[in-house]
Each structure stands twice: as C-alpha cells, then as structure tokens.
Amino acid sequence: MLSLAKERFWGVYVGEIARCRRRVDDVRGKYPSAGPAELAQRLTDTKKMWAATGGAVSGLFGLALVPADLAFVTALQLTLIMEIALLHKVNLKSDRARGEVFEVLGYSNGADTVNLAGRAGPKLIARIAEKALTKRGLANLGRAVPVIASPVVAWLNNRDLQRAGEAALRFYGTIRQLPRRAATAGGAEGV
C-alpha cells in the first residue's frame, strides 16, 4: 500500500516538473533580461496572487477550510520551490533533488506544529468572536468577523509563499554559485 502511494506521488511529482518547466520558460520569455533573483520574485508574486485569493476565500468560511487552505498553500509552495530550482537548472528527477525540494519546503515553513496553529489562529478567533457576539444579540456584527479574518489569512498565505520563494532562492542560488571541483588525472576530485 505504501509502495503504491509512493509510486503515485512520484508520478504526480514528475508530471508537475513539466508544468513547472513551462511556467519557468514563460517567465523567462516575458523577461529575457531579468536575472535569476528577479525571475524568482516574479514566479513568487504569481503564486502569492493565487495564495491571497485562496486565503481570502477560505477566511470567509472559517475553520472548515483550514485543511484545504493549508493543502493549497503547501502545493503552491512546493511548485514554487520546484520552479526556482528549474530556474537554476537543477534536474529535479533524482531522489536527491526531490529530497532537497522537500527540505527547502520544510525549512521555509519551520516544519513545526506552531506554524499550523498560527495559520488556524485568525479563523479560530473569528469563529469564537462570531459566537460571542451572536450570544449577546449582535448577530449582524458577528457575521462580519469572518470578513475581517479573510484578509489576515490572505496575508498569511502571501507571507508563507514569500518565505518559500526566498528559501528556495537562497538554497538553489547558493548551489549554483559554489565553485566546481575539478577532476584530477586519476579520476578523483580535487579540493
């Protein structure tokens, strides 16, 4: 069962590489004189637009959409990291490269439960405030609270996408700037 799940995930991952490559080629075509940092930011800005929209919508629906919002933002972060890796000409099909993508994703998110609680916070507070106001006879005001939570969630999504883009740019930009080790005559690599 686990083997089947890994195989399916690998298929989705490889399929996403082709889509990411097309998006990278598109942004290179639109901005031919832009450097890697500017192109990475343009890719990030595109993802942030999607993340803000998703956050605004999920903020309106409260806690029920926290899992969907987290999955959506994580998928956007993952594809952004892959796009920035491709921007730096990384071959994403190896096990090592896939591991690096997930390490960058984990690093950009802090890989902890505090982040999850922080993401659900605005929706939770909005839900509690809505219930408290409704109990006090202020139902109309209570219904407005999720509307206030909506831009906060959109902002959190933007922040998380920006972090992922910056982490990917630091990681992959640094790799490409490191000097290559020259091979010696005996086949061993020199220092």
C-alpha atoms as a PDB file:
ATOM      1  CA  MET A   1       0.000   0.000   0.000  1.00  0.00           C
ATOM      2  CA  LEU A   2       2.779   2.441   0.955  1.00  0.00           C
ATOM      3  CA  SER A   3       4.667   1.461  -2.186  1.00  0.00           C
ATOM      4  CA  LEU A   4       1.625   2.242  -4.332  1.00  0.00           C
ATOM      5  CA  ALA A   5       1.200   5.630  -2.639  1.00  0.00           C
ATOM      6  CA  LYS A   6       4.883   6.469  -3.200  1.00  0.00           C
ATOM      7  CA  GLU A   7       4.598   5.437  -6.839  1.00  0.00           C
ATOM      8  CA  ARG A   8       1.543   7.634  -7.394  1.00  0.00           C
ATOM      9  CA  PHE A   9       3.161  10.560  -5.604  1.00  0.00           C
ATOM     10  CA  TRP A  10       6.283  10.158  -7.759  1.00  0.00           C
ATOM     11  CA  GLY A  11       4.091  10.245 -10.886  1.00  0.00           C
ATOM     12  CA  VAL A  12       2.402  13.464  -9.751  1.00  0.00           C
ATOM     13  CA  TYR A  13       5.786  14.973  -8.864  1.00  0.00           C
ATOM     14  CA  VAL A  14       7.323  14.132 -12.257  1.00  0.00           C
ATOM     15  CA  GLY A  15       4.226  15.442 -14.057  1.00  0.00           C
ATOM     16  CA  GLU A  16       4.492  18.694 -12.123  1.00  0.00           C
ATOM     17  CA  ILE A  17       8.111  19.107 -13.235  1.00  0.00           C
ATOM     18  CA  ALA A  18       6.954  19.522 -16.839  1.00  0.00           C
ATOM     19  CA  ARG A  19       4.328  22.100 -15.861  1.00  0.00           C
ATOM     20  CA  CYS A  20       6.846  23.983 -13.725  1.00  0.00           C
ATOM     21  CA  ARG A  21       9.336  23.968 -16.591  1.00  0.00           C
ATOM     22  CA  ARG A  22       6.705  25.548 -18.889  1.00  0.00           C
ATOM     23  CA  ARG A  23       5.985  28.275 -16.314  1.00  0.00           C
ATOM     24  CA  VAL A  24       9.713  28.993 -15.923  1.00  0.00           C
ATOM     25  CA  ASP A  25      10.137  29.164 -19.704  1.00  0.00           C
ATOM     26  CA  ASP A  26       7.148  31.535 -19.907  1.00  0.00           C
ATOM     27  CA  VAL A  27       8.557  33.909 -17.304  1.00  0.00           C
ATOM     28  CA  ARG A  28      11.997  33.807 -18.979  1.00  0.00           C
ATOM     29  CA  GLY A  29      10.313  34.650 -22.281  1.00  0.00           C
ATOM     30  CA  LYS A  30       8.430  37.604 -20.772  1.00  0.00           C
ATOM     31  CA  TYR A  31      11.509  38.987 -19.002  1.00  0.00           C
ATOM     32  CA  PRO A  32      14.543  37.944 -21.093  1.00  0.00           C
ATOM     33  CA  SER A  33      16.958  40.403 -19.477  1.00  0.00           C
ATOM     34  CA  ALA A  34      15.955  39.575 -15.878  1.00  0.00           C
ATOM     35  CA  GLY A  35      18.372  37.749 -13.610  1.00  0.00           C
ATOM     36  CA  PRO A  36      17.555  34.699 -11.513  1.00  0.00           C
ATOM     37  CA  ALA A  37      16.584  36.729  -8.428  1.00  0.00           C
ATOM     38  CA  GLU A  38      14.107  38.880 -10.361  1.00  0.00           C
ATOM     39  CA  LEU A  39      12.653  35.884 -12.185  1.00  0.00           C
ATOM     40  CA  ALA A  40      12.287  34.039  -8.872  1.00  0.00           C
ATOM     41  CA  GLN A  41      10.429  37.017  -7.413  1.00  0.00           C
ATOM     42  CA  ARG A  42       8.126  37.171 -10.436  1.00  0.00           C
ATOM     43  CA  LEU A  43       7.340  33.470 -10.019  1.00  0.00           C
ATOM     44  CA  THR A  44       6.767  34.091  -6.302  1.00  0.00           C
ATOM     45  CA  ASP A  45       4.472  37.045  -6.983  1.00  0.00           C
ATOM     46  CA  THR A  46       2.324  34.925  -9.303  1.00  0.00           C
ATOM     47  CA  LYS A  47       1.952  32.241  -6.633  1.00  0.00           C
ATOM     48  CA  LYS A  48       1.251  34.893  -3.988  1.00  0.00           C
ATOM     49  CA  MET A  49      -1.679  36.151  -6.057  1.00  0.00           C
ATOM     50  CA  TRP A  50      -3.194  32.653  -6.034  1.00  0.00           C
ATOM     51  CA  ALA A  51      -2.425  32.204  -2.341  1.00  0.00           C
ATOM     52  CA  ALA A  52      -4.030  35.521  -1.394  1.00  0.00           C
ATOM     53  CA  THR A  53      -7.165  34.672  -3.332  1.00  0.00           C
ATOM     54  CA  GLY A  54      -7.373  31.233  -1.737  1.00  0.00           C
ATOM     55  CA  GLY A  55      -6.753  32.718   1.707  1.00  0.00           C
ATOM     56  CA  ALA A  56      -9.406  35.370   1.259  1.00  0.00           C
ATOM     57  CA  VAL A  57     -11.980  32.793   0.221  1.00  0.00           C
ATOM     58  CA  SER A  58     -11.063  30.300   2.947  1.00  0.00           C
ATOM     59  CA  GLY A  59     -11.070  33.076   5.544  1.00  0.00           C
ATOM     60  CA  LEU A  60     -14.717  33.709   4.780  1.00  0.00           C
ATOM     61  CA  PHE A  61     -15.612  30.102   5.539  1.00  0.00           C
ATOM     62  CA  GLY A  62     -13.765  29.829   8.834  1.00  0.00           C
ATOM     63  CA  LEU A  63     -12.254  26.742  10.392  1.00  0.00           C
ATOM     64  CA  ALA A  64     -13.886  24.318   7.997  1.00  0.00           C
ATOM     65  CA  LEU A  65     -11.431  25.268   5.249  1.00  0.00           C
ATOM     66  CA  VAL A  66      -8.207  25.329   7.302  1.00  0.00           C
ATOM     67  CA  PRO A  67      -7.075  21.908   5.982  1.00  0.00           C
ATOM     68  CA  ALA A  68      -7.931  22.833   2.399  1.00  0.00           C
ATOM     69  CA  ASP A  69      -6.156  26.185   2.718  1.00  0.00           C
ATOM     70  CA  LEU A  70      -3.051  24.534   4.177  1.00  0.00           C
ATOM     71  CA  ALA A  71      -3.006  21.931   1.402  1.00  0.00           C
ATOM     72  CA  PHE A  72      -3.458  24.637  -1.247  1.00  0.00           C
ATOM     73  CA  VAL A  73      -0.666  26.821   0.142  1.00  0.00           C
ATOM     74  CA  THR A  74       1.641  23.823   0.533  1.00  0.00           C
ATOM     75  CA  ALA A  75       1.031  22.812  -3.093  1.00  0.00           C
ATOM     76  CA  LEU A  76       1.773  26.378  -4.213  1.00  0.00           C
ATOM     77  CA  GLN A  77       4.945  26.445  -2.111  1.00  0.00           C
ATOM     78  CA  LEU A  78       6.070  23.101  -3.484  1.00  0.00           C
ATOM     79  CA  THR A  79       5.583  24.124  -7.106  1.00  0.00           C
ATOM     80  CA  LEU A  80       7.268  27.484  -6.446  1.00  0.00           C
ATOM     81  CA  ILE A  81      10.311  25.739  -4.981  1.00  0.00           C
ATOM     82  CA  MET A  82      10.403  23.418  -7.979  1.00  0.00           C
ATOM     83  CA  GLU A  83      10.153  26.381 -10.373  1.00  0.00           C
ATOM     84  CA  ILE A  84      13.009  28.201  -8.672  1.00  0.00           C
ATOM     85  CA  ALA A  85      15.096  25.014  -8.772  1.00  0.00           C
ATOM     86  CA  LEU A  86      14.400  24.710 -12.513  1.00  0.00           C
ATOM     87  CA  LEU A  87      15.262  28.381 -12.915  1.00  0.00           C
ATOM     88  CA  HIS A  88      18.707  27.413 -11.609  1.00  0.00           C
ATOM     89  CA  LYS A  89      18.840  24.411 -13.972  1.00  0.00           C
ATOM     90  CA  VAL A  90      18.502  21.728 -11.299  1.00  0.00           C
ATOM     91  CA  ASN A  91      17.487  18.253 -12.502  1.00  0.00           C
ATOM     92  CA  LEU A  92      14.510  17.522 -10.265  1.00  0.00           C
ATOM     93  CA  LYS A  93      14.044  13.885 -11.286  1.00  0.00           C
ATOM     94  CA  SER A  94      16.650  12.403  -8.942  1.00  0.00           C
ATOM     95  CA  ASP A  95      15.823  11.154  -5.457  1.00  0.00           C
ATOM     96  CA  ARG A  96      18.364  13.606  -4.049  1.00  0.00           C
ATOM     97  CA  ALA A  97      16.756  16.585  -5.809  1.00  0.00           C
ATOM     98  CA  ARG A  98      13.296  15.534  -4.646  1.00  0.00           C
ATOM     99  CA  GLY A  99      14.628  15.312  -1.100  1.00  0.00           C
ATOM    100  CA  GLU A 100      16.133  18.787  -1.426  1.00  0.00           C
ATOM    101  CA  VAL A 101      12.819  20.229  -2.616  1.00  0.00           C
ATOM    102  CA  PHE A 102      11.081  18.830   0.449  1.00  0.00           C
ATOM    103  CA  GLU A 103      13.886  20.018   2.737  1.00  0.00           C
ATOM    104  CA  VAL A 104      13.506  23.556   1.399  1.00  0.00           C
ATOM    105  CA  LEU A 105       9.738  23.277   1.875  1.00  0.00           C
ATOM    106  CA  GLY A 106      10.193  22.131   5.472  1.00  0.00           C
ATOM    107  CA  TYR A 107      12.807  24.794   6.164  1.00  0.00           C
ATOM    108  CA  SER A 108      10.638  27.592   4.787  1.00  0.00           C
ATOM    109  CA  ASN A 109       7.718  26.503   6.978  1.00  0.00           C
ATOM    110  CA  GLY A 110       9.657  25.887  10.155  1.00  0.00           C
ATOM    111  CA  ALA A 111       8.403  22.272   9.992  1.00  0.00           C
ATOM    112  CA  ASP A 112       6.594  22.525  13.294  1.00  0.00           C
ATOM    113  CA  THR A 113       3.096  22.467  14.707  1.00  0.00           C
ATOM    114  CA  VAL A 114       3.361  26.054  15.950  1.00  0.00           C
ATOM    115  CA  ASN A 115       3.090  27.188  12.331  1.00  0.00           C
ATOM    116  CA  LEU A 116      -0.091  25.147  11.869  1.00  0.00           C
ATOM    117  CA  ALA A 117      -1.627  26.663  14.985  1.00  0.00           C
ATOM    118  CA  GLY A 118      -0.622  30.126  13.827  1.00  0.00           C
ATOM    119  CA  ARG A 119      -2.310  29.576  10.467  1.00  0.00           C
ATOM    120  CA  ALA A 120      -5.579  28.488  12.073  1.00  0.00           C
ATOM    121  CA  GLY A 121      -5.478  31.319  14.626  1.00  0.00           C
ATOM    122  CA  PRO A 122      -7.306  34.066  12.702  1.00  0.00           C
ATOM    123  CA  LYS A 123     -10.106  31.708  11.716  1.00  0.00           C
ATOM    124  CA  LEU A 124     -10.410  30.335  15.232  1.00  0.00           C
ATOM    125  CA  ILE A 125     -10.536  33.806  16.770  1.00  0.00           C
ATOM    126  CA  ALA A 126     -13.092  34.879  14.156  1.00  0.00           C
ATOM    127  CA  ARG A 127     -15.272  31.867  14.958  1.00  0.00           C
ATOM    128  CA  ILE A 128     -15.099  32.488  18.716  1.00  0.00           C
ATOM    129  CA  ALA A 129     -15.842  36.208  18.267  1.00  0.00           C
ATOM    130  CA  GLU A 130     -18.747  35.424  15.938  1.00  0.00           C
ATOM    131  CA  LYS A 131     -20.299  33.061  18.508  1.00  0.00           C
ATOM    132  CA  ALA A 132     -19.756  35.503  21.394  1.00  0.00           C
ATOM    133  CA  LEU A 133     -21.308  38.404  19.503  1.00  0.00           C
ATOM    134  CA  THR A 134     -24.271  36.278  18.407  1.00  0.00           C
ATOM    135  CA  LYS A 135     -24.910  35.246  22.027  1.00  0.00           C
ATOM    136  CA  ARG A 136     -25.021  38.897  23.012  1.00  0.00           C
ATOM    137  CA  GLY A 137     -27.593  39.700  20.356  1.00  0.00           C
ATOM    138  CA  LEU A 138     -25.126  41.184  17.883  1.00  0.00           C
ATOM    139  CA  ALA A 139     -25.525  38.557  15.180  1.00  0.00           C
ATOM    140  CA  ASN A 140     -25.023  41.018  12.314  1.00  0.00           C
ATOM    141  CA  LEU A 141     -21.720  42.164  13.772  1.00  0.00           C
ATOM    142  CA  GLY A 142     -20.790  38.543  14.438  1.00  0.00           C
ATOM    143  CA  ARG A 143     -21.277  37.700  10.778  1.00  0.00           C
ATOM    144  CA  ALA A 144     -18.812  40.437   9.811  1.00  0.00           C
ATOM    145  CA  VAL A 145     -15.951  38.890  11.807  1.00  0.00           C
ATOM    146  CA  PRO A 146     -15.056  36.237   9.174  1.00  0.00           C
ATOM    147  CA  VAL A 147     -14.869  39.050   6.629  1.00  0.00           C
ATOM    148  CA  ILE A 148     -12.208  40.619   8.849  1.00  0.00           C
ATOM    149  CA  ALA A 149     -10.341  37.291   9.148  1.00  0.00           C
ATOM    150  CA  SER A 150     -10.280  36.893   5.378  1.00  0.00           C
ATOM    151  CA  PRO A 151      -7.558  39.497   4.624  1.00  0.00           C
ATOM    152  CA  VAL A 152      -5.495  38.231   7.558  1.00  0.00           C
ATOM    153  CA  VAL A 153      -5.491  34.706   6.120  1.00  0.00           C
ATOM    154  CA  ALA A 154      -4.663  36.117   2.675  1.00  0.00           C
ATOM    155  CA  TRP A 155      -1.716  37.977   4.221  1.00  0.00           C
ATOM    156  CA  LEU A 156      -0.513  34.822   5.999  1.00  0.00           C
ATOM    157  CA  ASN A 157      -0.659  32.897   2.724  1.00  0.00           C
ATOM    158  CA  ASN A 158       1.353  35.626   0.991  1.00  0.00           C
ATOM    159  CA  ARG A 159       3.923  35.596   3.768  1.00  0.00           C
ATOM    160  CA  ASP A 160       4.303  31.827   3.553  1.00  0.00           C
ATOM    161  CA  LEU A 161       4.753  31.919  -0.220  1.00  0.00           C
ATOM    162  CA  GLN A 162       7.346  34.687   0.051  1.00  0.00           C
ATOM    163  CA  ARG A 163       9.254  32.651   2.647  1.00  0.00           C
ATOM    164  CA  ALA A 164       9.242  29.585   0.415  1.00  0.00           C
ATOM    165  CA  GLY A 165      10.471  31.617  -2.555  1.00  0.00           C
ATOM    166  CA  GLU A 166      13.246  33.225  -0.526  1.00  0.00           C
ATOM    167  CA  ALA A 167      14.329  29.882   0.955  1.00  0.00           C
ATOM    168  CA  ALA A 168      14.428  28.291  -2.499  1.00  0.00           C
ATOM    169  CA  LEU A 169      16.374  31.216  -3.953  1.00  0.00           C
ATOM    170  CA  ARG A 170      18.905  31.048  -1.106  1.00  0.00           C
ATOM    171  CA  PHE A 171      19.298  27.293  -1.468  1.00  0.00           C
ATOM    172  CA  TYR A 172      19.419  26.927  -5.241  1.00  0.00           C
ATOM    173  CA  GLY A 173      21.117  30.260  -5.886  1.00  0.00           C
ATOM    174  CA  THR A 174      23.906  29.297  -3.498  1.00  0.00           C
ATOM    175  CA  ILE A 175      24.376  25.861  -5.056  1.00  0.00           C
ATOM    176  CA  ARG A 176      24.891  27.363  -8.496  1.00  0.00           C
ATOM    177  CA  GLN A 177      27.409  29.908  -7.205  1.00  0.00           C
ATOM    178  CA  LEU A 178      29.680  27.384  -5.464  1.00  0.00           C
ATOM    179  CA  PRO A 179      32.887  26.642  -7.395  1.00  0.00           C
ATOM    180  CA  ARG A 180      33.003  23.267  -9.107  1.00  0.00           C
ATOM    181  CA  ARG A 181      35.690  20.822  -8.081  1.00  0.00           C
ATOM    182  CA  ALA A 182      37.936  19.928 -10.984  1.00  0.00           C
ATOM    183  CA  ALA A 183      38.597  16.246 -11.660  1.00  0.00           C
ATOM    184  CA  THR A 184      42.222  15.165 -11.353  1.00  0.00           C
ATOM    185  CA  ALA A 185      44.033  12.872 -13.782  1.00  0.00           C
ATOM    186  CA  GLY A 186      43.462   9.821 -11.568  1.00  0.00           C
ATOM    187  CA  GLY A 187      39.690  10.296 -11.623  1.00  0.00           C
ATOM    188  CA  ALA A 188      39.449  11.555  -8.028  1.00  0.00           C
ATOM    189  CA  GLU A 189      38.113  15.001  -7.441  1.00  0.00           C
ATOM    190  CA  GLY A 190      40.459  17.702  -6.227  1.00  0.00           C
ATOM    191  CA  VAL A 191      39.763  20.128  -3.458  1.00  0.00           C
END
